[in-house]
Amino acid sequence: MSRKVNPKQDQGILPEYDFSHAVRGKHHEAYATGNNVIFLEPDLATVFKDSESVNRVLRLLLDLAKENASTDRPRAAKRRPGTG
């Protein structure tokens, strides 16, 4: 069944937008369950093929950040501008 386009409704859509392969409600289930849907830039999507690989790297990054932010070691004093 083909829907006719109402010209008045179509005014805000630019001609370069192509929705011919769009899927309505594609991420509806993920949103409904409370999961975050995150879109990766194409260069990152070539490296991170699935959620598991993204999660693994993010957990590693968090672990490294926690190690470096540890309160076990004294922090270096910040120098004030103009104090030598």
C-alpha atoms as a PDB file:
ATOM      1  CA  MET A   1       0.000   0.000   0.000  1.00  0.00           C
ATOM      2  CA  SER A   2       1.439   3.367  -0.984  1.00  0.00           C
ATOM      3  CA  ARG A   3       0.856   6.475   1.094  1.00  0.00           C
ATOM      4  CA  LYS A   4       0.409   9.788  -0.616  1.00  0.00           C
ATOM      5  CA  VAL A   5       2.626  12.585   0.637  1.00  0.00           C
ATOM      6  CA  ASN A   6       0.897  15.687   1.888  1.00  0.00           C
ATOM      7  CA  PRO A   7       2.908  18.614   0.459  1.00  0.00           C
ATOM      8  CA  LYS A   8       2.124  20.752   3.522  1.00  0.00           C
ATOM      9  CA  GLN A   9       3.593  18.133   5.877  1.00  0.00           C
ATOM     10  CA  ASP A  10       6.649  17.618   3.668  1.00  0.00           C
ATOM     11  CA  GLN A  11       7.891  21.229   3.864  1.00  0.00           C
ATOM     12  CA  GLY A  12      10.380  20.585   6.692  1.00  0.00           C
ATOM     13  CA  ILE A  13      12.068  17.610   5.031  1.00  0.00           C
ATOM     14  CA  LEU A  14      15.011  18.426   2.806  1.00  0.00           C
ATOM     15  CA  PRO A  15      15.283  16.685  -0.566  1.00  0.00           C
ATOM     16  CA  GLU A  16      18.594  15.021   0.377  1.00  0.00           C
ATOM     17  CA  TYR A  17      16.933  13.072   3.214  1.00  0.00           C
ATOM     18  CA  ASP A  18      16.338   9.525   2.048  1.00  0.00           C
ATOM     19  CA  PHE A  19      13.932   7.503   4.161  1.00  0.00           C
ATOM     20  CA  SER A  20      13.276   4.882   1.498  1.00  0.00           C
ATOM     21  CA  HIS A  21      15.049   2.202   3.587  1.00  0.00           C
ATOM     22  CA  ALA A  22      13.946   3.473   6.997  1.00  0.00           C
ATOM     23  CA  VAL A  23      12.471   1.098   9.539  1.00  0.00           C
ATOM     24  CA  ARG A  24       9.787   2.554  11.767  1.00  0.00           C
ATOM     25  CA  GLY A  25      10.313   1.782  15.458  1.00  0.00           C
ATOM     26  CA  LYS A  26      13.673   0.089  14.878  1.00  0.00           C
ATOM     27  CA  HIS A  27      14.983   0.996  18.351  1.00  0.00           C
ATOM     28  CA  HIS A  28      11.640   1.101  20.157  1.00  0.00           C
ATOM     29  CA  GLU A  29      12.213  -2.108  22.149  1.00  0.00           C
ATOM     30  CA  ALA A  30      15.655  -1.012  23.378  1.00  0.00           C
ATOM     31  CA  TYR A  31      14.298   2.358  24.508  1.00  0.00           C
ATOM     32  CA  ALA A  32      11.335   0.691  26.206  1.00  0.00           C
ATOM     33  CA  THR A  33      13.584  -1.647  28.230  1.00  0.00           C
ATOM     34  CA  GLY A  34      15.687   1.263  29.438  1.00  0.00           C
ATOM     35  CA  ASN A  35      18.791   0.375  27.428  1.00  0.00           C
ATOM     36  CA  ASN A  36      20.805   3.162  25.914  1.00  0.00           C
ATOM     37  CA  VAL A  37      20.991   3.186  22.157  1.00  0.00           C
ATOM     38  CA  ILE A  38      24.294   4.687  21.104  1.00  0.00           C
ATOM     39  CA  PHE A  39      25.322   5.390  17.545  1.00  0.00           C
ATOM     40  CA  LEU A  40      29.010   5.100  16.762  1.00  0.00           C
ATOM     41  CA  GLU A  41      30.780   7.161  14.164  1.00  0.00           C
ATOM     42  CA  PRO A  42      31.656   5.071  11.089  1.00  0.00           C
ATOM     43  CA  ASP A  43      35.382   4.881  11.904  1.00  0.00           C
ATOM     44  CA  LEU A  44      34.631   3.534  15.386  1.00  0.00           C
ATOM     45  CA  ALA A  45      31.985   1.142  14.077  1.00  0.00           C
ATOM     46  CA  THR A  46      34.655  -0.571  11.976  1.00  0.00           C
ATOM     47  CA  VAL A  47      36.614  -1.344  15.155  1.00  0.00           C
ATOM     48  CA  PHE A  48      33.781  -2.046  17.596  1.00  0.00           C
ATOM     49  CA  LYS A  49      31.565  -4.601  15.898  1.00  0.00           C
ATOM     50  CA  ASP A  50      29.198  -5.279  18.807  1.00  0.00           C
ATOM     51  CA  SER A  51      28.064  -4.115  22.248  1.00  0.00           C
ATOM     52  CA  GLU A  52      30.387  -6.566  23.990  1.00  0.00           C
ATOM     53  CA  SER A  53      33.515  -5.027  22.468  1.00  0.00           C
ATOM     54  CA  VAL A  54      32.390  -1.490  23.325  1.00  0.00           C
ATOM     55  CA  ASN A  55      31.545  -2.470  26.899  1.00  0.00           C
ATOM     56  CA  ARG A  56      34.886  -4.256  27.344  1.00  0.00           C
ATOM     57  CA  VAL A  57      36.865  -1.174  26.287  1.00  0.00           C
ATOM     58  CA  LEU A  58      34.734   1.204  28.365  1.00  0.00           C
ATOM     59  CA  ARG A  59      35.215  -0.973  31.474  1.00  0.00           C
ATOM     60  CA  LEU A  60      38.969  -1.035  30.858  1.00  0.00           C
ATOM     61  CA  LEU A  61      38.968   2.755  30.519  1.00  0.00           C
ATOM     62  CA  LEU A  62      37.027   3.110  33.780  1.00  0.00           C
ATOM     63  CA  ASP A  63      39.463   0.793  35.575  1.00  0.00           C
ATOM     64  CA  LEU A  64      42.413   2.821  34.301  1.00  0.00           C
ATOM     65  CA  ALA A  65      40.755   6.075  35.330  1.00  0.00           C
ATOM     66  CA  LYS A  66      40.099   4.699  38.830  1.00  0.00           C
ATOM     67  CA  GLU A  67      43.732   3.587  39.152  1.00  0.00           C
ATOM     68  CA  ASN A  68      45.000   7.011  38.136  1.00  0.00           C
ATOM     69  CA  ALA A  69      42.566   8.852  40.388  1.00  0.00           C
ATOM     70  CA  SER A  70      43.516   6.771  43.410  1.00  0.00           C
ATOM     71  CA  THR A  71      43.837   8.635  46.703  1.00  0.00           C
ATOM     72  CA  ASP A  72      46.680   6.334  47.815  1.00  0.00           C
ATOM     73  CA  ARG A  73      49.367   8.562  46.405  1.00  0.00           C
ATOM     74  CA  PRO A  74      49.895  12.266  47.025  1.00  0.00           C
ATOM     75  CA  ARG A  75      48.969  14.577  44.213  1.00  0.00           C
ATOM     76  CA  ALA A  76      51.472  16.977  42.756  1.00  0.00           C
ATOM     77  CA  ALA A  77      50.892  20.537  43.899  1.00  0.00           C
ATOM     78  CA  LYS A  78      49.518  22.852  41.252  1.00  0.00           C
ATOM     79  CA  ARG A  79      51.642  25.859  40.469  1.00  0.00           C
ATOM     80  CA  ARG A  80      49.955  29.217  40.469  1.00  0.00           C
ATOM     81  CA  PRO A  81      50.531  31.508  37.503  1.00  0.00           C
ATOM     82  CA  GLY A  82      53.255  34.023  38.185  1.00  0.00           C
ATOM     83  CA  THR A  83      54.838  32.145  41.109  1.00  0.00           C
ATOM     84  CA  GLY A  84      57.940  31.060  39.326  1.00  0.00           C
END
